[in-house]
């Protein structure tokens, strides 16, 4: 992992040196220096906390509602006919359309709404596929031996759905961060990462743009790894 990171840092350094204009592309040294400087300020951490709170709230809402809708669609054909087309429509609408409309109705929770609306279809589809992929033979065996619904859910459905849900969560976290911060930038939300990026862009502070981007990538990576660890432990539980 470290050699790969060093390789891409050298590539970045080489491109910055070839361009030779910090206002166009900041060097790794300049970007990390600005990140270190920003990290010494309270506003930086307030922005990180504000964005994380809003975006992760949207992600968790998408996770919960996506799972609930998927379970409902498996349990009822009527619910499937009502919900499945609507989720597909949501999935097809561009991010910019949601942001422009949401600015008028969700001004103070724009990132939450956008993160939710972008991630929920991913969670829904993967959970639905995971439930449908459950081995019928295992379910029949559980029925024959009168295994309780709670144990069926834990030992059959959860074990089957977990890889699908982990994949969806991993992709969803990245999309939640990208879409949520894009919404903050478009909505010029103060006290957020998107607001910091917008201010850096308007003032042509390229090193700051790269510094904020590094922070976004690091946060997204850390949260993704945390979720992967949680899901792996859950799957390994007896």
C-alpha atoms as a PDB file:
ATOM      1  CA  UNK A   1       0.000   0.000   0.000  1.00  0.00           C
ATOM      2  CA  UNK A   2       2.761   2.455   0.965  1.00  0.00           C
ATOM      3  CA  UNK A   3       4.849   1.879  -2.214  1.00  0.00           C
ATOM      4  CA  UNK A   4       1.721   2.440  -4.338  1.00  0.00           C
ATOM      5  CA  UNK A   5       0.937   5.691  -2.513  1.00  0.00           C
ATOM      6  CA  UNK A   6       4.547   6.847  -2.958  1.00  0.00           C
ATOM      7  CA  UNK A   7       4.377   6.039  -6.663  1.00  0.00           C
ATOM      8  CA  UNK A   8       1.291   8.208  -7.195  1.00  0.00           C
ATOM      9  CA  UNK A   9       2.744  11.002  -5.084  1.00  0.00           C
ATOM     10  CA  UNK A  10       5.779  10.982  -7.373  1.00  0.00           C
ATOM     11  CA  UNK A  11       3.486  11.060 -10.410  1.00  0.00           C
ATOM     12  CA  UNK A  12       1.631  14.015  -8.876  1.00  0.00           C
ATOM     13  CA  UNK A  13       4.923  15.769  -8.112  1.00  0.00           C
ATOM     14  CA  UNK A  14       6.115  15.175 -11.668  1.00  0.00           C
ATOM     15  CA  UNK A  15       2.936  16.609 -13.197  1.00  0.00           C
ATOM     16  CA  UNK A  16       3.091  19.661 -10.912  1.00  0.00           C
ATOM     17  CA  UNK A  17       6.748  20.217 -11.820  1.00  0.00           C
ATOM     18  CA  UNK A  18       5.989  19.843 -15.547  1.00  0.00           C
ATOM     19  CA  UNK A  19       3.139  22.369 -15.377  1.00  0.00           C
ATOM     20  CA  UNK A  20       5.233  24.704 -13.254  1.00  0.00           C
ATOM     21  CA  UNK A  21       2.278  26.816 -12.127  1.00  0.00           C
ATOM     22  CA  UNK A  22       0.971  26.370  -8.597  1.00  0.00           C
ATOM     23  CA  UNK A  23      -2.260  28.166  -9.442  1.00  0.00           C
ATOM     24  CA  UNK A  24      -3.100  25.395 -11.931  1.00  0.00           C
ATOM     25  CA  UNK A  25      -1.931  22.341  -9.997  1.00  0.00           C
ATOM     26  CA  UNK A  26      -0.428  22.422  -6.528  1.00  0.00           C
ATOM     27  CA  UNK A  27       2.484  20.139  -5.676  1.00  0.00           C
ATOM     28  CA  UNK A  28       2.078  17.439  -2.998  1.00  0.00           C
ATOM     29  CA  UNK A  29       4.317  19.417  -0.665  1.00  0.00           C
ATOM     30  CA  UNK A  30       2.236  22.573  -1.070  1.00  0.00           C
ATOM     31  CA  UNK A  31      -1.044  20.664  -0.646  1.00  0.00           C
ATOM     32  CA  UNK A  32       0.035  18.816   2.489  1.00  0.00           C
ATOM     33  CA  UNK A  33       1.563  21.987   3.924  1.00  0.00           C
ATOM     34  CA  UNK A  34      -1.790  23.760   3.498  1.00  0.00           C
ATOM     35  CA  UNK A  35      -3.630  20.776   4.960  1.00  0.00           C
ATOM     36  CA  UNK A  36      -1.377  20.912   8.012  1.00  0.00           C
ATOM     37  CA  UNK A  37      -1.935  24.670   8.305  1.00  0.00           C
ATOM     38  CA  UNK A  38      -5.700  24.335   7.961  1.00  0.00           C
ATOM     39  CA  UNK A  39      -5.726  21.560  10.563  1.00  0.00           C
ATOM     40  CA  UNK A  40      -4.353  24.062  13.091  1.00  0.00           C
ATOM     41  CA  UNK A  41      -7.537  26.117  12.854  1.00  0.00           C
ATOM     42  CA  UNK A  42     -10.839  25.525  14.617  1.00  0.00           C
ATOM     43  CA  UNK A  43     -12.871  26.352  11.498  1.00  0.00           C
ATOM     44  CA  UNK A  44     -11.308  23.397   9.664  1.00  0.00           C
ATOM     45  CA  UNK A  45     -12.502  20.900  12.268  1.00  0.00           C
ATOM     46  CA  UNK A  46     -15.895  22.568  12.549  1.00  0.00           C
ATOM     47  CA  UNK A  47     -16.265  22.219   8.772  1.00  0.00           C
ATOM     48  CA  UNK A  48     -15.197  18.566   8.920  1.00  0.00           C
ATOM     49  CA  UNK A  49     -17.667  17.888  11.725  1.00  0.00           C
ATOM     50  CA  UNK A  50     -20.502  19.765  10.020  1.00  0.00           C
ATOM     51  CA  UNK A  51     -20.092  17.923   6.725  1.00  0.00           C
ATOM     52  CA  UNK A  52     -19.583  14.540   8.370  1.00  0.00           C
ATOM     53  CA  UNK A  53     -22.719  14.961  10.480  1.00  0.00           C
ATOM     54  CA  UNK A  54     -24.928  15.920   7.539  1.00  0.00           C
ATOM     55  CA  UNK A  55     -23.523  13.473   5.002  1.00  0.00           C
ATOM     56  CA  UNK A  56     -23.396  10.469   7.325  1.00  0.00           C
ATOM     57  CA  UNK A  57     -26.940  11.217   8.498  1.00  0.00           C
ATOM     58  CA  UNK A  58     -28.052  11.017   4.871  1.00  0.00           C
ATOM     59  CA  UNK A  59     -26.064   7.812   4.404  1.00  0.00           C
ATOM     60  CA  UNK A  60     -27.556   6.108   7.460  1.00  0.00           C
ATOM     61  CA  UNK A  61     -31.065   7.170   6.461  1.00  0.00           C
ATOM     62  CA  UNK A  62     -30.421   5.698   3.005  1.00  0.00           C
ATOM     63  CA  UNK A  63     -29.103   2.509   4.603  1.00  0.00           C
ATOM     64  CA  UNK A  64     -32.129   2.085   6.868  1.00  0.00           C
ATOM     65  CA  UNK A  65     -34.831   3.049   4.364  1.00  0.00           C
ATOM     66  CA  UNK A  66     -33.172   1.154   1.505  1.00  0.00           C
ATOM     67  CA  UNK A  67     -33.157  -2.051   3.566  1.00  0.00           C
ATOM     68  CA  UNK A  68     -36.739  -1.554   4.744  1.00  0.00           C
ATOM     69  CA  UNK A  69     -38.000  -0.944   1.201  1.00  0.00           C
ATOM     70  CA  UNK A  70     -36.089  -3.960  -0.132  1.00  0.00           C
ATOM     71  CA  UNK A  71     -37.557  -6.234   2.544  1.00  0.00           C
ATOM     72  CA  UNK A  72     -41.021  -4.842   1.793  1.00  0.00           C
ATOM     73  CA  UNK A  73     -40.602  -5.485  -1.932  1.00  0.00           C
ATOM     74  CA  UNK A  74     -39.586  -9.091  -1.284  1.00  0.00           C
ATOM     75  CA  UNK A  75     -42.505  -9.610   1.092  1.00  0.00           C
ATOM     76  CA  UNK A  76     -45.211  -8.042  -1.089  1.00  0.00           C
ATOM     77  CA  UNK A  77     -45.681  -7.934  -4.869  1.00  0.00           C
ATOM     78  CA  UNK A  78     -47.860  -4.851  -4.481  1.00  0.00           C
ATOM     79  CA  UNK A  79     -45.112  -2.975  -2.645  1.00  0.00           C
ATOM     80  CA  UNK A  80     -42.645  -4.116  -5.310  1.00  0.00           C
ATOM     81  CA  UNK A  81     -44.841  -2.744  -8.107  1.00  0.00           C
ATOM     82  CA  UNK A  82     -45.182   0.582  -6.309  1.00  0.00           C
ATOM     83  CA  UNK A  83     -41.627   1.071  -5.032  1.00  0.00           C
ATOM     84  CA  UNK A  84     -39.309  -0.525  -7.596  1.00  0.00           C
ATOM     85  CA  UNK A  85     -40.177   1.817 -10.511  1.00  0.00           C
ATOM     86  CA  UNK A  86     -39.949   4.875  -8.240  1.00  0.00           C
ATOM     87  CA  UNK A  87     -36.481   3.884  -7.039  1.00  0.00           C
ATOM     88  CA  UNK A  88     -35.360   3.356 -10.640  1.00  0.00           C
ATOM     89  CA  UNK A  89     -36.591   6.851 -11.540  1.00  0.00           C
ATOM     90  CA  UNK A  90     -34.700   8.353  -8.595  1.00  0.00           C
ATOM     91  CA  UNK A  91     -31.589   6.475  -9.679  1.00  0.00           C
ATOM     92  CA  UNK A  92     -31.840   7.913 -13.193  1.00  0.00           C
ATOM     93  CA  UNK A  93     -32.214  11.588 -12.237  1.00  0.00           C
ATOM     94  CA  UNK A  94     -28.910  13.530 -12.425  1.00  0.00           C
ATOM     95  CA  UNK A  95     -27.310  14.866  -9.255  1.00  0.00           C
ATOM     96  CA  UNK A  96     -27.508  18.479 -10.466  1.00  0.00           C
ATOM     97  CA  UNK A  97     -31.293  18.267 -10.806  1.00  0.00           C
ATOM     98  CA  UNK A  98     -31.684  17.103  -7.216  1.00  0.00           C
ATOM     99  CA  UNK A  99     -29.350  19.792  -5.900  1.00  0.00           C
ATOM    100  CA  UNK A 100     -31.066  22.650  -7.742  1.00  0.00           C
ATOM    101  CA  UNK A 101     -34.510  21.582  -6.538  1.00  0.00           C
ATOM    102  CA  UNK A 102     -33.343  20.712  -3.008  1.00  0.00           C
ATOM    103  CA  UNK A 103     -31.775  24.149  -2.477  1.00  0.00           C
ATOM    104  CA  UNK A 104     -35.285  25.612  -2.207  1.00  0.00           C
ATOM    105  CA  UNK A 105     -36.602  23.039   0.282  1.00  0.00           C
ATOM    106  CA  UNK A 106     -33.597  21.675   2.205  1.00  0.00           C
ATOM    107  CA  UNK A 107     -31.324  24.688   2.508  1.00  0.00           C
ATOM    108  CA  UNK A 108     -29.873  23.733   5.904  1.00  0.00           C
ATOM    109  CA  UNK A 109     -29.873  19.982   5.314  1.00  0.00           C
ATOM    110  CA  UNK A 110     -28.976  19.971   1.620  1.00  0.00           C
ATOM    111  CA  UNK A 111     -26.055  17.538   1.967  1.00  0.00           C
ATOM    112  CA  UNK A 112     -28.202  15.148   4.017  1.00  0.00           C
ATOM    113  CA  UNK A 113     -30.971  15.059   1.440  1.00  0.00           C
ATOM    114  CA  UNK A 114     -28.642  14.701  -1.545  1.00  0.00           C
ATOM    115  CA  UNK A 115     -26.537  11.975   0.118  1.00  0.00           C
ATOM    116  CA  UNK A 116     -29.722  10.099   1.000  1.00  0.00           C
ATOM    117  CA  UNK A 117     -31.286  10.358  -2.430  1.00  0.00           C
ATOM    118  CA  UNK A 118     -28.083   9.253  -4.204  1.00  0.00           C
ATOM    119  CA  UNK A 119     -27.284   6.302  -1.931  1.00  0.00           C
ATOM    120  CA  UNK A 120     -30.723   4.866  -1.170  1.00  0.00           C
ATOM    121  CA  UNK A 121     -31.257   3.240  -4.617  1.00  0.00           C
ATOM    122  CA  UNK A 122     -27.865   1.495  -4.339  1.00  0.00           C
ATOM    123  CA  UNK A 123     -28.706   0.077  -0.912  1.00  0.00           C
ATOM    124  CA  UNK A 124     -32.190  -0.903  -2.064  1.00  0.00           C
ATOM    125  CA  UNK A 125     -31.109  -2.771  -5.211  1.00  0.00           C
ATOM    126  CA  UNK A 126     -28.228  -4.631  -3.552  1.00  0.00           C
ATOM    127  CA  UNK A 127     -30.294  -5.639  -0.533  1.00  0.00           C
ATOM    128  CA  UNK A 128     -33.133  -6.818  -2.769  1.00  0.00           C
ATOM    129  CA  UNK A 129     -30.719  -8.910  -4.852  1.00  0.00           C
ATOM    130  CA  UNK A 130     -29.125 -10.310  -1.717  1.00  0.00           C
ATOM    131  CA  UNK A 131     -32.437 -11.435  -0.260  1.00  0.00           C
ATOM    132  CA  UNK A 132     -33.451 -12.968  -3.588  1.00  0.00           C
ATOM    133  CA  UNK A 133     -30.109 -14.825  -3.687  1.00  0.00           C
ATOM    134  CA  UNK A 134     -30.886 -16.685  -0.452  1.00  0.00           C
ATOM    135  CA  UNK A 135     -30.618 -20.453  -0.954  1.00  0.00           C
ATOM    136  CA  UNK A 136     -34.170 -21.910  -1.093  1.00  0.00           C
ATOM    137  CA  UNK A 137     -32.853 -25.215   0.256  1.00  0.00           C
ATOM    138  CA  UNK A 138     -31.689 -23.532   3.451  1.00  0.00           C
ATOM    139  CA  UNK A 139     -35.048 -21.848   3.873  1.00  0.00           C
ATOM    140  CA  UNK A 140     -36.863 -25.141   3.325  1.00  0.00           C
ATOM    141  CA  UNK A 141     -34.628 -26.864   5.861  1.00  0.00           C
ATOM    142  CA  UNK A 142     -35.305 -24.083   8.367  1.00  0.00           C
ATOM    143  CA  UNK A 143     -39.049 -24.498   7.765  1.00  0.00           C
ATOM    144  CA  UNK A 144     -38.918 -28.267   8.190  1.00  0.00           C
ATOM    145  CA  UNK A 145     -36.977 -28.004  11.461  1.00  0.00           C
ATOM    146  CA  UNK A 146     -39.197 -25.133  12.627  1.00  0.00           C
ATOM    147  CA  UNK A 147     -36.371 -22.676  13.051  1.00  0.00           C
ATOM    148  CA  UNK A 148     -37.646 -19.390  14.493  1.00  0.00           C
ATOM    149  CA  UNK A 149     -37.932 -16.305  12.283  1.00  0.00           C
ATOM    150  CA  UNK A 150     -35.270 -14.551  14.340  1.00  0.00           C
ATOM    151  CA  UNK A 151     -32.736 -17.328  13.771  1.00  0.00           C
ATOM    152  CA  UNK A 152     -33.646 -17.577  10.097  1.00  0.00           C
ATOM    153  CA  UNK A 153     -32.993 -13.869   9.717  1.00  0.00           C
ATOM    154  CA  UNK A 154     -29.684 -13.972  11.593  1.00  0.00           C
ATOM    155  CA  UNK A 155     -28.181 -17.217  10.290  1.00  0.00           C
ATOM    156  CA  UNK A 156     -29.573 -17.363   6.755  1.00  0.00           C
ATOM    157  CA  UNK A 157     -30.710 -13.966   5.474  1.00  0.00           C
ATOM    158  CA  UNK A 158     -28.066 -11.812   7.201  1.00  0.00           C
ATOM    159  CA  UNK A 159     -25.236 -14.144   6.162  1.00  0.00           C
ATOM    160  CA  UNK A 160     -26.436 -14.086   2.555  1.00  0.00           C
ATOM    161  CA  UNK A 161     -27.221 -10.398   2.303  1.00  0.00           C
ATOM    162  CA  UNK A 162     -24.089  -9.174   4.144  1.00  0.00           C
ATOM    163  CA  UNK A 163     -21.726  -9.299   1.096  1.00  0.00           C
ATOM    164  CA  UNK A 164     -24.287  -7.471  -1.065  1.00  0.00           C
ATOM    165  CA  UNK A 165     -24.847  -4.875   1.631  1.00  0.00           C
ATOM    166  CA  UNK A 166     -21.121  -4.427   2.256  1.00  0.00           C
ATOM    167  CA  UNK A 167     -20.559  -3.798  -1.439  1.00  0.00           C
ATOM    168  CA  UNK A 168     -23.429  -1.302  -1.537  1.00  0.00           C
ATOM    169  CA  UNK A 169     -22.240   0.471   1.622  1.00  0.00           C
ATOM    170  CA  UNK A 170     -18.683   0.714   0.312  1.00  0.00           C
ATOM    171  CA  UNK A 171     -19.821   2.289  -2.956  1.00  0.00           C
ATOM    172  CA  UNK A 172     -22.494   4.336  -1.192  1.00  0.00           C
ATOM    173  CA  UNK A 173     -20.092   6.006   1.235  1.00  0.00           C
ATOM    174  CA  UNK A 174     -17.974   7.317  -1.626  1.00  0.00           C
ATOM    175  CA  UNK A 175     -21.034   8.534  -3.510  1.00  0.00           C
ATOM    176  CA  UNK A 176     -22.480  10.098  -0.351  1.00  0.00           C
ATOM    177  CA  UNK A 177     -19.307  12.124   0.201  1.00  0.00           C
ATOM    178  CA  UNK A 178     -18.984  13.188  -3.438  1.00  0.00           C
ATOM    179  CA  UNK A 179     -22.626  14.142  -3.843  1.00  0.00           C
ATOM    180  CA  UNK A 180     -22.957  15.704  -0.392  1.00  0.00           C
ATOM    181  CA  UNK A 181     -19.907  17.924  -0.785  1.00  0.00           C
ATOM    182  CA  UNK A 182     -20.946  18.849  -4.335  1.00  0.00           C
ATOM    183  CA  UNK A 183     -24.301  19.918  -2.894  1.00  0.00           C
ATOM    184  CA  UNK A 184     -22.519  22.006  -0.245  1.00  0.00           C
ATOM    185  CA  UNK A 185     -20.439  23.697  -2.942  1.00  0.00           C
ATOM    186  CA  UNK A 186     -23.435  24.485  -5.150  1.00  0.00           C
ATOM    187  CA  UNK A 187     -25.493  25.632  -2.176  1.00  0.00           C
ATOM    188  CA  UNK A 188     -22.496  27.584  -0.760  1.00  0.00           C
ATOM    189  CA  UNK A 189     -23.050  26.060   2.677  1.00  0.00           C
ATOM    190  CA  UNK A 190     -20.900  27.861   5.213  1.00  0.00           C
ATOM    191  CA  UNK A 191     -19.054  25.927   7.879  1.00  0.00           C
ATOM    192  CA  UNK A 192     -18.739  22.823   5.690  1.00  0.00           C
ATOM    193  CA  UNK A 193     -16.092  21.142   3.545  1.00  0.00           C
ATOM    194  CA  UNK A 194     -18.000  22.137   0.421  1.00  0.00           C
ATOM    195  CA  UNK A 195     -18.084  25.724   1.637  1.00  0.00           C
ATOM    196  CA  UNK A 196     -14.318  25.613   2.196  1.00  0.00           C
ATOM    197  CA  UNK A 197     -13.772  24.245  -1.301  1.00  0.00           C
ATOM    198  CA  UNK A 198     -16.001  26.943  -2.760  1.00  0.00           C
ATOM    199  CA  UNK A 199     -14.092  29.700  -0.944  1.00  0.00           C
ATOM    200  CA  UNK A 200     -10.748  28.242  -2.076  1.00  0.00           C
ATOM    201  CA  UNK A 201     -11.942  28.083  -5.688  1.00  0.00           C
ATOM    202  CA  UNK A 202     -13.292  31.619  -5.680  1.00  0.00           C
ATOM    203  CA  UNK A 203     -10.015  32.948  -4.275  1.00  0.00           C
ATOM    204  CA  UNK A 204      -7.887  30.804  -6.617  1.00  0.00           C
ATOM    205  CA  UNK A 205      -6.243  29.034  -3.666  1.00  0.00           C
ATOM    206  CA  UNK A 206      -5.321  25.865  -5.525  1.00  0.00           C
ATOM    207  CA  UNK A 207      -3.276  24.409  -2.656  1.00  0.00           C
ATOM    208  CA  UNK A 208      -6.316  24.778  -0.399  1.00  0.00           C
ATOM    209  CA  UNK A 209      -8.498  22.972  -2.945  1.00  0.00           C
ATOM    210  CA  UNK A 210      -6.046  20.059  -2.974  1.00  0.00           C
ATOM    211  CA  UNK A 211      -5.781  20.133   0.834  1.00  0.00           C
ATOM    212  CA  UNK A 212      -9.556  19.900   1.263  1.00  0.00           C
ATOM    213  CA  UNK A 213      -9.654  17.118  -1.339  1.00  0.00           C
ATOM    214  CA  UNK A 214      -7.030  15.123   0.580  1.00  0.00           C
ATOM    215  CA  UNK A 215      -9.129  15.502   3.723  1.00  0.00           C
ATOM    216  CA  UNK A 216     -12.236  14.276   1.878  1.00  0.00           C
ATOM    217  CA  UNK A 217     -10.437  11.217   0.494  1.00  0.00           C
ATOM    218  CA  UNK A 218      -8.932  10.367   3.882  1.00  0.00           C
ATOM    219  CA  UNK A 219     -12.304  10.616   5.647  1.00  0.00           C
ATOM    220  CA  UNK A 220     -14.094   8.570   3.009  1.00  0.00           C
ATOM    221  CA  UNK A 221     -11.380   5.888   3.106  1.00  0.00           C
ATOM    222  CA  UNK A 222     -11.389   5.686   6.907  1.00  0.00           C
ATOM    223  CA  UNK A 223     -15.187   5.374   7.121  1.00  0.00           C
ATOM    224  CA  UNK A 224     -15.226   2.780   4.327  1.00  0.00           C
ATOM    225  CA  UNK A 225     -12.654   0.650   6.187  1.00  0.00           C
ATOM    226  CA  UNK A 226     -14.601   0.997   9.440  1.00  0.00           C
ATOM    227  CA  UNK A 227     -17.792  -0.271   7.802  1.00  0.00           C
ATOM    228  CA  UNK A 228     -15.918  -3.138   6.168  1.00  0.00           C
ATOM    229  CA  UNK A 229     -14.515  -4.145   9.566  1.00  0.00           C
ATOM    230  CA  UNK A 230     -17.965  -4.044  11.167  1.00  0.00           C
ATOM    231  CA  UNK A 231     -19.539  -6.160   8.420  1.00  0.00           C
ATOM    232  CA  UNK A 232     -16.695  -8.707   8.424  1.00  0.00           C
ATOM    233  CA  UNK A 233     -16.987  -9.154  12.184  1.00  0.00           C
ATOM    234  CA  UNK A 234     -20.755  -9.555  11.898  1.00  0.00           C
ATOM    235  CA  UNK A 235     -20.356 -12.228   9.235  1.00  0.00           C
ATOM    236  CA  UNK A 236     -17.801 -14.121  11.331  1.00  0.00           C
ATOM    237  CA  UNK A 237     -20.049 -14.189  14.395  1.00  0.00           C
ATOM    238  CA  UNK A 238     -21.315 -17.701  15.156  1.00  0.00           C
END
